[in-house]
Amino acid sequence: MIQSVERAIDILGVIHGKPDGSAGLVEIAKALNLEKSTVFNLIKTLKARGFVVQVKQGEKYSLGPELLRLTSGNLNAAMLDEKLMPFCMEIREKTDESVSIVTYASAELKIICRVLSDKAVNAAPNNIKPLYATASGRCILAQLPKTEIDGIVDIYGFPEDSWNNISSRTALEKELEKIRNEKIITVISEEREVVAIGAIIDAPEKYAPLAIGLFLPLYRFAPARRNSFIKLIKEYTNKISLYLNKQN
């Protein structure tokens, strides 16, 4: 087994074996007879991937939500695909543009379901990383706990010129707070000549985080269409949220 993988598994085992389900850096290093710097770097990666989380107001770590998602994620994804595909189809029929519903797994965007436009020229959503590369990805990022956001920044750095020249945690948090408040964002790429509308779906905890993404070429984004699309996406985030909460 690759040494770093074996050590990461051992770290999870140490944390799991503690009576309160949490362990500090020094404690883990001592249990595994490893240097603190080695443990720190491994934990940083595990935290970014959601396998461990930092305990609030402390220096200890506990097992993260990604472990649960690994055991139930495929089932949930399949269930969500079945549940949410009709909504995707309706949005596509009303806009004739590409639409996707996405979630988050292991620091990456994960598409649950998508329907592409029938038009000759369309913008197809794909799994793109980091999360801040797309409108729907930014909506997902805005829903994550601070520790997971920090972990993603550790891996990918700040978006800088790809998103309002963000080069600090403060600037990133300011943009994410806007998304949390407005629950919708429009991203225009002049270089790629593509427009994306992303919106947060308020979903039950077992499904969250979720977001809708609508994608289209820039030349089809006239002001009248822009307003109607934003109104429609807001309407469907509410519909999906109500539907999932009734199913919960």
Protein backbone atom coordinates (compact mmCIF):
# COMPACT_ATOMS: atom_id res chain seq x y z
CA MET A 1 0.00 0.00 0.00
CA ILE A 2 1.26 3.53 -0.75
CA GLN A 3 2.68 4.91 2.50
CA SER A 4 0.72 8.20 2.48
CA VAL A 5 -2.54 6.33 1.88
CA GLU A 6 -1.78 3.89 4.69
CA ARG A 7 -0.97 6.76 7.05
CA ALA A 8 -4.16 8.62 6.12
CA ILE A 9 -6.20 5.50 6.89
CA ASP A 10 -4.35 5.15 10.20
CA ILE A 11 -5.24 8.76 11.09
CA LEU A 12 -8.91 8.04 10.49
CA GLY A 13 -8.58 4.94 12.66
CA VAL A 14 -7.04 6.89 15.54
CA ILE A 15 -9.81 9.48 15.43
CA HIS A 16 -12.51 6.82 15.22
CA GLY A 17 -11.04 4.96 18.17
CA LYS A 18 -11.25 7.87 20.60
CA PRO A 19 -14.12 7.81 23.15
CA ASP A 20 -15.35 11.26 22.10
CA GLY A 21 -14.63 10.66 18.41
CA SER A 22 -11.97 13.36 18.16
CA ALA A 23 -8.18 13.66 18.42
CA GLY A 24 -5.60 16.43 18.31
CA LEU A 25 -2.56 16.74 16.07
CA VAL A 26 -0.02 15.88 18.80
CA GLU A 27 -2.18 13.00 19.98
CA ILE A 28 -2.39 11.50 16.48
CA ALA A 29 1.32 11.99 15.80
CA LYS A 30 2.21 10.25 19.06
CA ALA A 31 -0.20 7.35 18.43
CA LEU A 32 1.27 6.73 14.97
CA ASN A 33 4.88 7.62 15.82
CA LEU A 34 4.95 10.25 13.07
CA GLU A 35 6.25 13.80 12.83
CA LYS A 36 3.64 16.48 13.53
CA SER A 37 4.37 18.09 10.15
CA THR A 38 3.61 14.81 8.38
CA VAL A 39 0.33 14.38 10.24
CA PHE A 40 -0.59 18.01 9.63
CA ASN A 41 -0.12 17.72 5.86
CA LEU A 42 -2.15 14.50 5.70
CA ILE A 43 -4.93 15.98 7.81
CA LYS A 44 -4.98 19.07 5.59
CA THR A 45 -5.71 16.83 2.59
CA LEU A 46 -8.28 14.75 4.49
CA LYS A 47 -10.00 17.93 5.66
CA ALA A 48 -10.10 19.35 2.14
CA ARG A 49 -11.75 16.15 0.95
CA GLY A 50 -14.28 16.18 3.78
CA PHE A 51 -12.98 13.04 5.50
CA VAL A 52 -12.14 14.95 8.68
CA VAL A 53 -13.41 18.21 10.14
CA GLN A 54 -11.90 20.47 12.75
CA VAL A 55 -13.85 20.51 15.98
CA LYS A 56 -15.36 23.93 16.67
CA GLN A 57 -13.20 26.26 18.74
CA GLY A 58 -10.47 23.69 19.23
CA GLU A 59 -7.48 21.95 17.75
CA LYS A 60 -9.01 18.49 17.56
CA TYR A 61 -10.33 16.69 14.50
CA SER A 62 -13.31 14.38 14.06
CA LEU A 63 -14.50 12.23 11.17
CA GLY A 64 -16.12 14.24 8.38
CA PRO A 65 -19.31 13.90 6.33
CA GLU A 66 -17.54 12.51 3.27
CA LEU A 67 -17.17 9.12 4.96
CA LEU A 68 -20.95 8.91 5.26
CA ARG A 69 -21.37 10.12 1.70
CA LEU A 70 -19.09 7.35 0.45
CA THR A 71 -21.34 4.72 1.99
CA SER A 72 -24.63 6.31 1.04
CA GLY A 73 -23.61 8.65 -1.77
CA ASN A 74 -24.22 6.30 -4.70
CA LEU A 75 -27.68 5.46 -3.39
CA ASN A 76 -28.51 9.11 -2.74
CA ALA A 77 -27.18 10.16 -6.15
CA ALA A 78 -29.26 7.50 -7.90
CA MET A 79 -32.32 8.47 -5.88
CA LEU A 80 -31.78 12.16 -6.61
CA ASP A 81 -31.24 11.54 -10.31
CA GLU A 82 -34.61 9.80 -10.45
CA LYS A 83 -36.32 12.48 -8.36
CA LEU A 84 -34.78 15.56 -9.99
CA MET A 85 -34.52 14.63 -13.67
CA PRO A 86 -38.17 15.68 -14.31
CA PHE A 87 -37.33 19.16 -13.01
CA CYS A 88 -34.30 19.32 -15.30
CA MET A 89 -36.46 18.30 -18.24
CA GLU A 90 -39.06 20.97 -17.45
CA ILE A 91 -36.43 23.71 -17.19
CA ARG A 92 -34.85 22.64 -20.48
CA GLU A 93 -38.26 22.60 -22.20
CA LYS A 94 -39.05 26.11 -20.95
CA THR A 95 -35.64 27.60 -21.79
CA ASP A 96 -34.33 25.34 -24.56
CA GLU A 97 -30.93 25.65 -22.89
CA SER A 98 -28.65 23.18 -21.09
CA VAL A 99 -29.41 22.63 -17.42
CA SER A 100 -27.88 20.58 -14.63
CA ILE A 101 -28.42 19.90 -10.95
CA VAL A 102 -25.19 19.42 -9.04
CA THR A 103 -23.81 18.50 -5.65
CA TYR A 104 -20.40 18.18 -4.01
CA ALA A 105 -18.10 15.24 -3.35
CA SER A 106 -14.42 15.09 -2.40
CA ALA A 107 -13.75 18.79 -3.10
CA GLU A 108 -15.23 18.53 -6.61
CA LEU A 109 -18.45 19.36 -8.39
CA LYS A 110 -20.61 16.30 -9.06
CA ILE A 111 -23.42 16.33 -11.61
CA ILE A 112 -26.55 14.53 -10.42
CA CYS A 113 -28.54 15.01 -13.61
CA ARG A 114 -28.33 17.17 -16.71
CA VAL A 115 -30.20 17.76 -19.94
CA LEU A 116 -28.56 19.46 -22.90
CA SER A 117 -30.09 21.96 -25.26
CA ASP A 118 -31.32 20.67 -28.62
CA LYS A 119 -29.89 23.72 -30.36
CA ALA A 120 -26.94 23.35 -32.71
CA VAL A 121 -24.79 25.55 -30.47
CA ASN A 122 -25.01 24.93 -26.74
CA ALA A 123 -22.94 25.15 -23.58
CA ALA A 124 -22.63 21.73 -21.98
CA PRO A 125 -22.01 21.60 -18.22
CA ASN A 126 -19.23 19.27 -17.12
CA ASN A 127 -17.53 18.24 -13.89
CA ILE A 128 -15.14 21.16 -13.54
CA LYS A 129 -12.82 21.84 -10.66
CA PRO A 130 -12.26 23.89 -8.61
CA LEU A 131 -15.81 24.69 -7.51
CA TYR A 132 -15.46 28.41 -8.17
CA ALA A 133 -14.97 27.77 -11.89
CA THR A 134 -18.74 27.63 -12.50
CA ALA A 135 -21.85 29.47 -11.31
CA SER A 136 -23.40 26.33 -9.83
CA GLY A 137 -20.06 25.41 -8.26
CA ARG A 138 -19.91 28.78 -6.51
CA CYS A 139 -23.41 28.15 -5.17
CA ILE A 140 -22.22 24.81 -3.81
CA LEU A 141 -19.13 26.44 -2.29
CA ALA A 142 -21.29 29.03 -0.53
CA GLN A 143 -23.13 26.22 1.28
CA LEU A 144 -20.05 24.44 2.65
CA PRO A 145 -18.71 24.74 6.20
CA LYS A 146 -15.77 27.08 6.72
CA THR A 147 -13.34 24.22 7.30
CA GLU A 148 -14.20 22.61 3.95
CA ILE A 149 -13.85 25.94 2.13
CA ASP A 150 -10.44 26.40 3.75
CA GLY A 151 -9.44 22.92 2.62
CA ILE A 152 -10.47 23.64 -0.97
CA VAL A 153 -8.44 26.85 -0.93
CA ASP A 154 -5.46 24.87 0.40
CA ILE A 155 -5.69 22.56 -2.61
CA TYR A 156 -6.60 24.94 -5.43
CA GLY A 157 -5.56 28.36 -4.14
CA PHE A 158 -7.71 31.45 -4.65
CA PRO A 159 -9.63 32.06 -7.90
CA GLU A 160 -7.89 35.40 -8.55
CA ASP A 161 -8.52 36.61 -12.12
CA SER A 162 -11.09 33.87 -12.78
CA TRP A 163 -13.44 35.43 -10.19
CA ASN A 164 -13.25 39.14 -9.36
CA ASN A 165 -9.51 38.99 -8.61
CA ILE A 166 -10.19 37.17 -5.33
CA SER A 167 -6.82 36.57 -3.66
CA SER A 168 -7.67 36.41 0.04
CA ARG A 169 -10.00 34.48 2.35
CA THR A 170 -11.72 37.75 3.29
CA ALA A 171 -12.48 38.62 -0.33
CA LEU A 172 -13.70 35.07 -1.02
CA GLU A 173 -15.99 35.11 2.01
CA LYS A 174 -17.45 38.46 0.90
CA GLU A 175 -18.45 36.98 -2.48
CA LEU A 176 -19.80 33.80 -0.90
CA GLU A 177 -21.91 35.82 1.52
CA LYS A 178 -23.49 37.63 -1.45
CA ILE A 179 -24.44 34.28 -2.93
CA ARG A 180 -25.86 33.06 0.39
CA ASN A 181 -28.00 36.17 0.64
CA GLU A 182 -29.18 36.29 -2.98
CA LYS A 183 -29.15 32.50 -3.54
CA ILE A 184 -28.42 33.05 -7.23
CA ILE A 185 -25.48 34.19 -9.35
CA THR A 186 -24.84 34.95 -13.01
CA VAL A 187 -21.39 34.32 -14.45
CA ILE A 188 -20.44 35.65 -17.88
CA SER A 189 -17.28 34.47 -19.61
CA GLU A 190 -16.45 36.90 -22.41
CA GLU A 191 -13.46 34.78 -23.36
CA ARG A 192 -15.48 31.57 -23.79
CA GLU A 193 -18.62 33.48 -24.87
CA VAL A 194 -20.68 31.50 -22.36
CA VAL A 195 -23.18 32.50 -19.67
CA ALA A 196 -24.13 30.45 -16.60
CA ILE A 197 -26.81 31.05 -14.00
CA GLY A 198 -26.35 29.20 -10.73
CA ALA A 199 -28.81 28.99 -7.83
CA ILE A 200 -28.81 27.41 -4.38
CA ILE A 201 -31.41 24.72 -3.66
CA ASP A 202 -32.38 24.66 0.02
CA ALA A 203 -32.40 20.91 0.52
CA PRO A 204 -32.66 18.60 3.54
CA GLU A 205 -29.30 17.83 5.15
CA LYS A 206 -29.05 14.33 3.68
CA TYR A 207 -29.18 15.77 0.14
CA ALA A 208 -27.37 19.10 0.65
CA PRO A 209 -25.56 20.88 -0.83
CA LEU A 210 -27.45 21.19 -4.13
CA ALA A 211 -27.53 23.80 -6.88
CA ILE A 212 -29.03 24.36 -10.32
CA GLY A 213 -26.95 25.49 -13.27
CA LEU A 214 -28.29 26.90 -16.55
CA PHE A 215 -25.76 27.25 -19.39
CA LEU A 216 -26.02 29.02 -22.74
CA PRO A 217 -23.94 30.85 -25.34
CA LEU A 218 -23.50 34.56 -24.67
CA TYR A 219 -25.18 35.65 -27.90
CA ARG A 220 -28.48 34.10 -26.71
CA PHE A 221 -28.42 36.02 -23.42
CA ALA A 222 -30.53 39.05 -24.34
CA PRO A 223 -31.82 41.21 -21.41
CA ALA A 224 -35.39 39.91 -21.76
CA ARG A 225 -34.22 36.29 -21.66
CA ARG A 226 -31.92 37.05 -18.75
CA ASN A 227 -34.79 38.30 -16.57
CA SER A 228 -37.11 35.46 -17.50
CA PHE A 229 -34.40 32.84 -16.92
CA ILE A 230 -33.52 34.20 -13.48
CA LYS A 231 -37.20 34.26 -12.52
CA LEU A 232 -37.66 30.69 -13.78
CA ILE A 233 -34.60 29.34 -11.97
CA LYS A 234 -35.73 30.94 -8.71
CA GLU A 235 -39.14 29.36 -9.19
CA TYR A 236 -37.61 25.92 -9.69
CA THR A 237 -35.24 26.13 -6.75
CA ASN A 238 -38.32 26.70 -4.59
CA LYS A 239 -40.21 23.85 -6.26
CA ILE A 240 -37.33 21.42 -5.79
CA SER A 241 -36.77 22.51 -2.21
CA LEU A 242 -40.43 21.97 -1.33
CA TYR A 243 -40.46 18.62 -3.11
CA LEU A 244 -37.35 17.29 -1.35
CA ASN A 245 -38.51 18.47 2.06
CA LYS A 246 -41.82 16.63 1.57
CA GLN A 247 -39.86 13.49 0.62
CA ASN A 248 -37.56 13.78 3.64
